[in-house]
Amino acid sequence: MGKAKPKICEICGAEIGGQGHTVRIEGAELLVCSSCYRKYGKKKPGTFSIMPTGREPKRTYKPRPKPQSTPRPQKPLYTEDIVEEYAEIVSEAIRRSGLSYEELSHRVGLSVNVLRRIAHGEYTPTIDEAKKLERYFRIKLIERVEEMNEKKVSIPKDYEPTLGDIARIKIKRKK
């Protein structure tokens, strides 16, 4: 009599030393080696596919709980705007200072050209530029404009637009 044929793992193809293990996978009973038994022996039948990939089965991760969202800051009920008579205020402040545009340019942090154009009313300063001028000259150039909370017109659910309403809507869109 010849030697007994070696047992081969039906999953990875490795030679099985000793008895081997029987595993039930997708309804089929397979003879497997110890390492495949450790990987697949404790799984519930039918819960995974047995295509050998050479790597550990994928682990499932629990999704992290989302951080509690902080409420968005409400829009301020006012906007900042440059006063209409900014040119007169700035040119008067420059006159009172007795300094040249070049000297003021270095002290205020704006270019000579921008200072001159603001003083002559040719250029409306941005809020940042106005704040620099306010800080240096101690003048008021920015005013707060309260926003009106416009209530949206509620339309009844059973309302059907008339031909006139539709015509008015089209005219408004063209403008």
N, C-alpha and C. Protein backbone atom coordinates (compact mmCIF):
# COMPACT_ATOMS: atom_id res chain seq x y z
N MET A 1 0.82 -1.19 0.00
CA MET A 1 0.00 0.00 0.00
C MET A 1 0.86 1.24 0.00
N GLY A 2 0.40 2.28 -0.77
CA GLY A 2 1.15 3.53 -0.88
C GLY A 2 0.83 4.46 0.28
N LYS A 3 1.52 5.57 0.19
CA LYS A 3 1.30 6.59 1.22
C LYS A 3 -0.09 7.19 1.09
N ALA A 4 -0.65 7.66 2.22
CA ALA A 4 -1.97 8.32 2.19
C ALA A 4 -1.82 9.68 1.51
N LYS A 5 -2.83 10.01 0.71
CA LYS A 5 -2.82 11.28 -0.01
C LYS A 5 -2.95 12.42 1.01
N PRO A 6 -2.10 13.49 0.93
CA PRO A 6 -2.21 14.58 1.91
C PRO A 6 -3.52 15.35 1.74
N LYS A 7 -4.05 15.78 2.87
CA LYS A 7 -5.30 16.57 2.83
C LYS A 7 -4.94 18.01 2.49
N ILE A 8 -5.75 18.64 1.66
CA ILE A 8 -5.51 20.02 1.22
C ILE A 8 -6.69 20.88 1.63
N CYS A 9 -6.38 22.05 2.16
CA CYS A 9 -7.42 23.01 2.59
C CYS A 9 -8.21 23.45 1.37
N GLU A 10 -9.55 23.38 1.49
CA GLU A 10 -10.41 23.72 0.36
C GLU A 10 -10.60 25.22 0.20
N ILE A 11 -10.00 26.02 1.08
CA ILE A 11 -10.10 27.47 0.95
C ILE A 11 -8.80 28.04 0.39
N CYS A 12 -7.68 27.80 1.11
CA CYS A 12 -6.42 28.44 0.70
C CYS A 12 -5.51 27.51 -0.08
N GLY A 13 -5.78 26.21 -0.08
CA GLY A 13 -4.96 25.27 -0.85
C GLY A 13 -3.73 24.76 -0.11
N ALA A 14 -3.58 25.12 1.16
CA ALA A 14 -2.42 24.67 1.94
C ALA A 14 -2.60 23.23 2.38
N GLU A 15 -1.50 22.55 2.60
CA GLU A 15 -1.56 21.17 3.06
C GLU A 15 -2.00 21.17 4.53
N ILE A 16 -2.93 20.28 4.86
CA ILE A 16 -3.45 20.21 6.22
C ILE A 16 -2.68 19.15 6.97
N GLY A 17 -2.03 19.57 8.07
CA GLY A 17 -1.34 18.60 8.90
C GLY A 17 -2.30 18.10 9.97
N GLY A 18 -2.45 16.80 10.12
CA GLY A 18 -3.36 16.27 11.13
C GLY A 18 -4.76 16.12 10.58
N GLN A 19 -5.72 16.20 11.48
CA GLN A 19 -7.12 15.92 11.16
C GLN A 19 -7.76 16.96 10.24
N GLY A 20 -7.51 18.26 10.48
CA GLY A 20 -8.20 19.31 9.72
C GLY A 20 -9.53 19.66 10.39
N HIS A 21 -10.20 20.65 9.88
CA HIS A 21 -11.47 21.10 10.47
C HIS A 21 -12.53 21.17 9.39
N THR A 22 -13.78 20.90 9.78
CA THR A 22 -14.89 21.00 8.84
C THR A 22 -15.64 22.29 9.15
N VAL A 23 -15.85 23.08 8.12
CA VAL A 23 -16.55 24.36 8.26
C VAL A 23 -17.70 24.38 7.29
N ARG A 24 -18.83 24.94 7.73
CA ARG A 24 -20.00 25.05 6.85
C ARG A 24 -20.06 26.50 6.34
N ILE A 25 -19.89 26.66 5.03
CA ILE A 25 -19.89 27.99 4.42
C ILE A 25 -20.86 27.99 3.25
N GLU A 26 -21.82 28.91 3.28
CA GLU A 26 -22.82 29.04 2.24
C GLU A 26 -23.45 27.70 1.87
N GLY A 27 -23.74 26.93 2.91
CA GLY A 27 -24.42 25.65 2.70
C GLY A 27 -23.51 24.49 2.34
N ALA A 28 -22.23 24.74 2.11
CA ALA A 28 -21.31 23.66 1.74
C ALA A 28 -20.38 23.37 2.91
N GLU A 29 -20.08 22.05 3.12
CA GLU A 29 -19.13 21.69 4.16
C GLU A 29 -17.76 21.59 3.52
N LEU A 30 -16.79 22.31 4.12
CA LEU A 30 -15.44 22.34 3.56
C LEU A 30 -14.45 21.85 4.59
N LEU A 31 -13.42 21.16 4.11
CA LEU A 31 -12.32 20.72 4.96
C LEU A 31 -11.26 21.82 4.88
N VAL A 32 -10.91 22.40 6.04
CA VAL A 32 -10.00 23.55 6.04
C VAL A 32 -8.85 23.36 7.01
N CYS A 33 -7.76 24.14 6.79
CA CYS A 33 -6.61 24.12 7.68
C CYS A 33 -6.91 24.94 8.94
N SER A 34 -6.00 24.90 9.92
CA SER A 34 -6.22 25.61 11.19
C SER A 34 -6.34 27.11 11.00
N SER A 35 -5.51 27.71 10.11
CA SER A 35 -5.57 29.17 9.95
C SER A 35 -6.89 29.60 9.30
N CYS A 36 -7.39 28.86 8.32
CA CYS A 36 -8.69 29.19 7.71
C CYS A 36 -9.82 28.93 8.70
N TYR A 37 -9.66 27.92 9.55
CA TYR A 37 -10.68 27.65 10.55
C TYR A 37 -10.77 28.82 11.53
N ARG A 38 -9.61 29.39 11.88
CA ARG A 38 -9.62 30.56 12.78
C ARG A 38 -10.32 31.74 12.11
N LYS A 39 -10.10 31.89 10.79
CA LYS A 39 -10.72 33.01 10.07
C LYS A 39 -12.22 32.80 9.87
N TYR A 40 -12.60 31.59 9.45
CA TYR A 40 -13.97 31.38 8.98
C TYR A 40 -14.81 30.45 9.84
N GLY A 41 -14.22 29.76 10.78
CA GLY A 41 -14.95 28.75 11.53
C GLY A 41 -15.99 29.31 12.47
N LYS A 42 -15.80 30.51 12.98
CA LYS A 42 -16.73 31.05 13.96
C LYS A 42 -17.80 31.94 13.34
N LYS A 43 -17.80 32.06 12.02
CA LYS A 43 -18.79 32.90 11.33
C LYS A 43 -20.13 32.18 11.27
N LYS A 44 -21.18 32.97 11.19
CA LYS A 44 -22.51 32.37 11.00
C LYS A 44 -22.61 31.92 9.56
N PRO A 45 -23.23 30.77 9.33
CA PRO A 45 -23.31 30.29 7.95
C PRO A 45 -24.09 31.25 7.06
N GLY A 46 -23.57 31.43 5.86
CA GLY A 46 -24.29 32.24 4.87
C GLY A 46 -24.11 33.72 5.04
N THR A 47 -23.24 34.17 5.96
CA THR A 47 -23.13 35.61 6.17
C THR A 47 -21.96 36.21 5.41
N PHE A 48 -21.17 35.40 4.74
CA PHE A 48 -20.05 35.97 4.00
C PHE A 48 -19.74 35.10 2.81
N SER A 49 -19.04 35.69 1.87
CA SER A 49 -18.65 34.96 0.67
C SER A 49 -17.26 34.41 0.89
N ILE A 50 -16.96 33.28 0.30
CA ILE A 50 -15.69 32.64 0.56
C ILE A 50 -14.76 32.72 -0.62
N MET A 51 -14.64 33.89 -1.21
CA MET A 51 -13.63 34.06 -2.25
C MET A 51 -12.35 34.46 -1.54
N PRO A 52 -11.30 33.62 -1.57
CA PRO A 52 -10.10 33.97 -0.83
C PRO A 52 -9.42 35.20 -1.42
N THR A 53 -9.14 36.16 -0.57
CA THR A 53 -8.51 37.40 -1.03
C THR A 53 -7.10 37.51 -0.49
N GLY A 54 -6.71 36.64 0.43
CA GLY A 54 -5.38 36.70 0.98
C GLY A 54 -5.26 37.72 2.09
N ARG A 55 -6.39 38.34 2.47
CA ARG A 55 -6.33 39.30 3.57
C ARG A 55 -7.47 39.02 4.53
N GLU A 56 -7.39 39.64 5.66
CA GLU A 56 -8.41 39.44 6.70
C GLU A 56 -9.75 39.95 6.18
N PRO A 57 -10.85 39.37 6.66
CA PRO A 57 -12.15 39.90 6.25
C PRO A 57 -12.30 41.34 6.75
N LYS A 58 -13.03 42.13 5.98
CA LYS A 58 -13.21 43.54 6.33
C LYS A 58 -13.94 43.68 7.65
N ARG A 59 -13.46 44.62 8.44
CA ARG A 59 -14.14 44.92 9.70
C ARG A 59 -15.14 46.03 9.44
N THR A 60 -16.24 45.95 10.13
CA THR A 60 -17.22 47.02 9.98
C THR A 60 -16.99 48.04 11.07
N TYR A 61 -17.10 49.30 10.71
CA TYR A 61 -16.88 50.39 11.66
C TYR A 61 -18.19 51.05 11.99
N LYS A 62 -18.34 51.39 13.25
CA LYS A 62 -19.54 52.11 13.65
C LYS A 62 -19.35 53.56 13.26
N PRO A 63 -20.37 54.19 12.67
CA PRO A 63 -20.22 55.60 12.32
C PRO A 63 -20.09 56.43 13.59
N ARG A 64 -19.20 57.43 13.52
CA ARG A 64 -19.02 58.30 14.68
C ARG A 64 -20.25 59.16 14.88
N PRO A 65 -20.61 59.40 16.13
CA PRO A 65 -21.75 60.29 16.34
C PRO A 65 -21.39 61.70 15.87
N LYS A 66 -22.32 62.33 15.17
CA LYS A 66 -22.07 63.67 14.65
C LYS A 66 -22.02 64.66 15.82
N PRO A 67 -21.07 65.61 15.76
CA PRO A 67 -21.02 66.60 16.84
C PRO A 67 -22.28 67.46 16.82
N GLN A 68 -22.72 67.83 17.99
CA GLN A 68 -23.92 68.67 18.08
C GLN A 68 -23.67 69.97 17.34
N SER A 69 -24.53 70.27 16.39
CA SER A 69 -24.33 71.49 15.61
C SER A 69 -24.69 72.70 16.47
N THR A 70 -23.82 73.69 16.40
CA THR A 70 -24.10 74.91 17.16
C THR A 70 -25.03 75.77 16.33
N PRO A 71 -25.96 76.46 16.96
CA PRO A 71 -26.87 77.29 16.18
C PRO A 71 -26.10 78.39 15.45
N ARG A 72 -26.48 78.62 14.21
CA ARG A 72 -25.80 79.64 13.40
C ARG A 72 -26.02 81.01 14.03
N PRO A 73 -24.97 81.85 13.97
CA PRO A 73 -25.18 83.19 14.51
C PRO A 73 -26.19 83.94 13.66
N GLN A 74 -27.10 84.61 14.33
CA GLN A 74 -28.13 85.36 13.62
C GLN A 74 -27.49 86.54 12.89
N LYS A 75 -28.05 86.87 11.71
CA LYS A 75 -27.55 88.02 10.98
C LYS A 75 -27.85 89.27 11.81
N PRO A 76 -26.90 90.20 11.88
CA PRO A 76 -27.21 91.40 12.65
C PRO A 76 -28.37 92.16 12.03
N LEU A 77 -29.12 92.84 12.86
CA LEU A 77 -30.30 93.55 12.37
C LEU A 77 -29.94 94.91 11.81
N TYR A 78 -28.64 95.15 11.61
CA TYR A 78 -28.22 96.41 11.03
C TYR A 78 -27.08 96.15 10.06
N THR A 79 -26.86 97.11 9.17
CA THR A 79 -25.71 97.04 8.28
C THR A 79 -24.92 98.33 8.50
N GLU A 80 -23.62 98.26 8.23
CA GLU A 80 -22.80 99.45 8.38
C GLU A 80 -22.72 100.13 7.02
N ASP A 81 -22.85 101.44 7.03
CA ASP A 81 -22.82 102.20 5.79
C ASP A 81 -22.00 103.46 6.02
N ILE A 82 -21.39 103.96 4.96
CA ILE A 82 -20.60 105.19 5.03
C ILE A 82 -21.57 106.37 4.98
N VAL A 83 -21.35 107.36 5.86
CA VAL A 83 -22.24 108.54 5.88
C VAL A 83 -22.10 109.28 4.55
N GLU A 84 -23.17 109.99 4.15
CA GLU A 84 -23.18 110.66 2.85
C GLU A 84 -22.14 111.77 2.76
N GLU A 85 -21.95 112.51 3.86
CA GLU A 85 -21.05 113.67 3.84
C GLU A 85 -19.62 113.30 4.25
N TYR A 86 -19.20 112.06 3.92
CA TYR A 86 -17.87 111.59 4.31
C TYR A 86 -16.75 112.49 3.77
N ALA A 87 -16.90 113.01 2.54
CA ALA A 87 -15.84 113.81 1.91
C ALA A 87 -15.57 115.07 2.72
N GLU A 88 -16.66 115.76 3.12
CA GLU A 88 -16.48 117.01 3.89
C GLU A 88 -15.84 116.71 5.24
N ILE A 89 -16.28 115.62 5.89
CA ILE A 89 -15.75 115.27 7.22
C ILE A 89 -14.26 114.97 7.12
N VAL A 90 -13.85 114.19 6.12
CA VAL A 90 -12.44 113.81 5.97
C VAL A 90 -11.60 115.02 5.60
N SER A 91 -12.06 115.80 4.61
CA SER A 91 -11.24 116.95 4.19
C SER A 91 -11.08 117.95 5.34
N GLU A 92 -12.12 118.14 6.15
CA GLU A 92 -12.03 119.03 7.32
C GLU A 92 -11.04 118.47 8.33
N ALA A 93 -11.07 117.17 8.57
CA ALA A 93 -10.15 116.55 9.52
C ALA A 93 -8.70 116.67 9.02
N ILE A 94 -8.50 116.52 7.72
CA ILE A 94 -7.15 116.66 7.15
C ILE A 94 -6.66 118.10 7.33
N ARG A 95 -7.55 119.08 7.07
CA ARG A 95 -7.20 120.50 7.22
C ARG A 95 -6.81 120.80 8.67
N ARG A 96 -7.63 120.27 9.62
CA ARG A 96 -7.37 120.52 11.04
C ARG A 96 -6.04 119.92 11.49
N SER A 97 -5.68 118.76 10.91
CA SER A 97 -4.44 118.10 11.33
C SER A 97 -3.21 118.91 10.96
N GLY A 98 -3.30 119.69 9.87
CA GLY A 98 -2.17 120.50 9.43
C GLY A 98 -1.05 119.68 8.81
N LEU A 99 -1.28 118.42 8.58
CA LEU A 99 -0.25 117.55 8.01
C LEU A 99 -0.48 117.39 6.51
N SER A 100 0.58 117.05 5.79
CA SER A 100 0.46 116.82 4.35
C SER A 100 -0.15 115.44 4.11
N TYR A 101 -0.62 115.22 2.88
CA TYR A 101 -1.19 113.91 2.51
C TYR A 101 -0.15 112.81 2.69
N GLU A 102 1.12 113.13 2.37
CA GLU A 102 2.19 112.14 2.49
C GLU A 102 2.36 111.70 3.94
N GLU A 103 2.40 112.67 4.88
CA GLU A 103 2.56 112.34 6.29
C GLU A 103 1.35 111.53 6.80
N LEU A 104 0.14 111.98 6.43
CA LEU A 104 -1.07 111.29 6.86
C LEU A 104 -1.13 109.87 6.30
N SER A 105 -0.66 109.71 5.06
CA SER A 105 -0.67 108.40 4.42
C SER A 105 0.04 107.38 5.29
N HIS A 106 1.21 107.75 5.83
CA HIS A 106 1.98 106.83 6.68
C HIS A 106 1.28 106.59 8.01
N ARG A 107 0.69 107.64 8.57
CA ARG A 107 0.08 107.52 9.90
C ARG A 107 -1.25 106.76 9.87
N VAL A 108 -2.06 107.01 8.84
CA VAL A 108 -3.39 106.40 8.75
C VAL A 108 -3.30 104.98 8.18
N GLY A 109 -2.38 104.78 7.24
CA GLY A 109 -2.25 103.46 6.64
C GLY A 109 -2.99 103.34 5.33
N LEU A 110 -3.24 104.49 4.68
CA LEU A 110 -3.86 104.50 3.35
C LEU A 110 -2.93 105.25 2.40
N SER A 111 -3.02 104.95 1.12
CA SER A 111 -2.15 105.62 0.16
C SER A 111 -2.54 107.08 0.00
N VAL A 112 -1.59 107.89 -0.45
CA VAL A 112 -1.83 109.33 -0.68
C VAL A 112 -2.98 109.50 -1.65
N ASN A 113 -2.96 108.70 -2.71
CA ASN A 113 -3.98 108.79 -3.75
C ASN A 113 -5.37 108.51 -3.18
N VAL A 114 -5.49 107.46 -2.37
CA VAL A 114 -6.79 107.10 -1.79
C VAL A 114 -7.26 108.21 -0.85
N LEU A 115 -6.36 108.73 0.00
CA LEU A 115 -6.74 109.82 0.91
C LEU A 115 -7.26 111.03 0.14
N ARG A 116 -6.53 111.41 -0.90
CA ARG A 116 -6.91 112.58 -1.70
C ARG A 116 -8.27 112.37 -2.36
N ARG A 117 -8.48 111.17 -2.93
CA ARG A 117 -9.75 110.89 -3.63
C ARG A 117 -10.93 110.88 -2.66
N ILE A 118 -10.70 110.34 -1.42
CA ILE A 118 -11.77 110.33 -0.42
C ILE A 118 -12.11 111.77 -0.03
N ALA A 119 -11.08 112.59 0.23
CA ALA A 119 -11.30 113.97 0.66
C ALA A 119 -12.01 114.79 -0.41
N HIS A 120 -11.79 114.47 -1.68
CA HIS A 120 -12.43 115.21 -2.77
C HIS A 120 -13.76 114.58 -3.20
N GLY A 121 -14.18 113.49 -2.52
CA GLY A 121 -15.46 112.86 -2.82
C GLY A 121 -15.47 112.05 -4.10
N GLU A 122 -14.28 111.71 -4.63
CA GLU A 122 -14.21 110.93 -5.87
C GLU A 122 -14.26 109.44 -5.59
N TYR A 123 -14.09 109.06 -4.32
CA TYR A 123 -13.99 107.64 -3.98
C TYR A 123 -14.65 107.41 -2.63
N THR A 124 -15.57 106.45 -2.57
CA THR A 124 -16.20 106.11 -1.30
C THR A 124 -15.34 105.08 -0.60
N PRO A 125 -14.90 105.35 0.62
CA PRO A 125 -14.02 104.39 1.30
C PRO A 125 -14.76 103.11 1.66
N THR A 126 -14.00 102.01 1.75
CA THR A 126 -14.59 100.76 2.22
C THR A 126 -14.77 100.89 3.74
N ILE A 127 -15.46 99.94 4.35
CA ILE A 127 -15.67 99.98 5.80
C ILE A 127 -14.32 99.95 6.52
N ASP A 128 -13.39 99.10 6.06
CA ASP A 128 -12.06 99.02 6.69
C ASP A 128 -11.31 100.35 6.58
N GLU A 129 -11.34 100.96 5.39
CA GLU A 129 -10.65 102.24 5.20
C GLU A 129 -11.29 103.30 6.09
N ALA A 130 -12.62 103.30 6.17
CA ALA A 130 -13.33 104.28 7.00
C ALA A 130 -12.96 104.09 8.46
N LYS A 131 -12.81 102.82 8.90
CA LYS A 131 -12.44 102.55 10.30
C LYS A 131 -11.05 103.10 10.61
N LYS A 132 -10.11 102.99 9.66
CA LYS A 132 -8.76 103.53 9.85
C LYS A 132 -8.83 105.05 10.01
N LEU A 133 -9.62 105.69 9.15
CA LEU A 133 -9.76 107.16 9.23
C LEU A 133 -10.44 107.56 10.54
N GLU A 134 -11.47 106.81 10.95
CA GLU A 134 -12.17 107.11 12.21
C GLU A 134 -11.21 107.01 13.38
N ARG A 135 -10.39 105.95 13.40
CA ARG A 135 -9.46 105.74 14.51
C ARG A 135 -8.44 106.87 14.59
N TYR A 136 -7.88 107.25 13.44
CA TYR A 136 -6.82 108.26 13.47
C TYR A 136 -7.37 109.65 13.78
N PHE A 137 -8.40 110.07 13.06
CA PHE A 137 -8.91 111.44 13.20
C PHE A 137 -9.95 111.58 14.32
N ARG A 138 -10.41 110.45 14.87
CA ARG A 138 -11.50 110.44 15.87
C ARG A 138 -12.74 111.15 15.32
N ILE A 139 -13.15 110.68 14.15
CA ILE A 139 -14.36 111.20 13.49
C ILE A 139 -15.33 110.05 13.27
N LYS A 140 -16.54 110.37 12.87
CA LYS A 140 -17.57 109.36 12.64
C LYS A 140 -17.88 109.30 11.15
N LEU A 141 -17.54 108.16 10.52
CA LEU A 141 -17.83 107.99 9.08
C LEU A 141 -18.79 106.85 8.82
N ILE A 142 -18.93 105.95 9.80
CA ILE A 142 -19.77 104.77 9.60
C ILE A 142 -21.04 104.91 10.42
N GLU A 143 -22.16 104.66 9.78
CA GLU A 143 -23.43 104.69 10.49
C GLU A 143 -24.09 103.33 10.40
N ARG A 144 -24.83 102.98 11.43
CA ARG A 144 -25.55 101.72 11.41
C ARG A 144 -26.93 101.96 10.82
N VAL A 145 -27.26 101.16 9.86
CA VAL A 145 -28.58 101.28 9.22
C VAL A 145 -29.39 100.07 9.67
N GLU A 146 -30.47 100.34 10.40
CA GLU A 146 -31.33 99.25 10.87
C GLU A 146 -32.02 98.63 9.67
N GLU A 147 -32.06 97.31 9.65
CA GLU A 147 -32.75 96.64 8.55
C GLU A 147 -34.20 96.42 8.94
N MET A 148 -35.05 96.65 7.99
CA MET A 148 -36.47 96.41 8.23
C MET A 148 -36.73 94.92 8.02
N ASN A 149 -37.37 94.30 8.99
CA ASN A 149 -37.74 92.90 8.82
C ASN A 149 -39.03 92.85 8.01
N GLU A 150 -38.84 92.61 6.73
CA GLU A 150 -40.02 92.58 5.86
C GLU A 150 -40.71 91.24 6.04
N LYS A 151 -41.99 91.32 6.36
CA LYS A 151 -42.75 90.09 6.52
C LYS A 151 -43.15 89.60 5.13
N LYS A 152 -42.96 88.30 4.92
CA LYS A 152 -43.34 87.74 3.63
C LYS A 152 -44.86 87.68 3.55
N VAL A 153 -45.37 88.04 2.38
CA VAL A 153 -46.80 88.02 2.17
C VAL A 153 -47.23 86.56 2.05
N SER A 154 -48.13 86.15 2.92
CA SER A 154 -48.57 84.76 2.86
C SER A 154 -49.71 84.63 1.85
N ILE A 155 -49.60 83.62 1.03
CA ILE A 155 -50.60 83.38 -0.01
C ILE A 155 -51.46 82.21 0.44
N PRO A 156 -52.77 82.38 0.46
CA PRO A 156 -53.64 81.28 0.87
C PRO A 156 -53.44 80.06 -0.04
N LYS A 157 -53.62 78.86 0.56
CA LYS A 157 -53.38 77.63 -0.19
C LYS A 157 -54.34 77.45 -1.37
N ASP A 158 -55.57 77.95 -1.23
CA ASP A 158 -56.55 77.75 -2.30
C ASP A 158 -56.50 78.87 -3.34
N TYR A 159 -55.48 79.72 -3.28
CA TYR A 159 -55.36 80.86 -4.20
C TYR A 159 -54.92 80.38 -5.57
N GLU A 160 -55.63 80.85 -6.59
CA GLU A 160 -55.22 80.56 -7.96
C GLU A 160 -54.90 81.89 -8.62
N PRO A 161 -53.69 82.02 -9.21
CA PRO A 161 -53.34 83.31 -9.81
C PRO A 161 -54.22 83.62 -11.01
N THR A 162 -54.53 84.90 -11.16
CA THR A 162 -55.33 85.33 -12.31
C THR A 162 -54.39 85.66 -13.45
N LEU A 163 -54.94 85.90 -14.61
CA LEU A 163 -54.12 86.25 -15.76
C LEU A 163 -53.36 87.54 -15.50
N GLY A 164 -53.97 88.47 -14.78
CA GLY A 164 -53.32 89.74 -14.45
C GLY A 164 -52.11 89.52 -13.54
N ASP A 165 -52.24 88.62 -12.57
CA ASP A 165 -51.11 88.32 -11.68
C ASP A 165 -49.93 87.77 -12.48
N ILE A 166 -50.24 86.87 -13.40
CA ILE A 166 -49.18 86.26 -14.20
C ILE A 166 -48.53 87.30 -15.09
N ALA A 167 -49.32 88.18 -15.70
CA ALA A 167 -48.79 89.24 -16.56
C ALA A 167 -47.89 90.15 -15.73
N ARG A 168 -48.30 90.49 -14.51
CA ARG A 168 -47.52 91.37 -13.64
C ARG A 168 -46.19 90.69 -13.28
N ILE A 169 -46.24 89.41 -13.02
CA ILE A 169 -45.03 88.66 -12.69
C ILE A 169 -44.04 88.71 -13.85
N LYS A 170 -44.54 88.50 -15.05
CA LYS A 170 -43.66 88.49 -16.24
C LYS A 170 -43.05 89.87 -16.44
N ILE A 171 -43.82 90.92 -16.25
CA ILE A 171 -43.32 92.29 -16.44
C ILE A 171 -42.21 92.55 -15.42
N LYS A 172 -42.40 92.14 -14.17
CA LYS A 172 -41.40 92.37 -13.14
C LYS A 172 -40.10 91.66 -13.48
N ARG A 173 -40.17 90.47 -14.02
CA ARG A 173 -38.97 89.69 -14.34
C ARG A 173 -38.17 90.33 -15.47
N LYS A 174 -38.86 91.01 -16.39
CA LYS A 174 -38.17 91.62 -17.54
C LYS A 174 -37.29 92.79 -17.10
N LYS A 175 -37.68 93.48 -16.05
CA LYS A 175 -36.95 94.71 -15.64
C LYS A 175 -35.55 94.44 -15.20
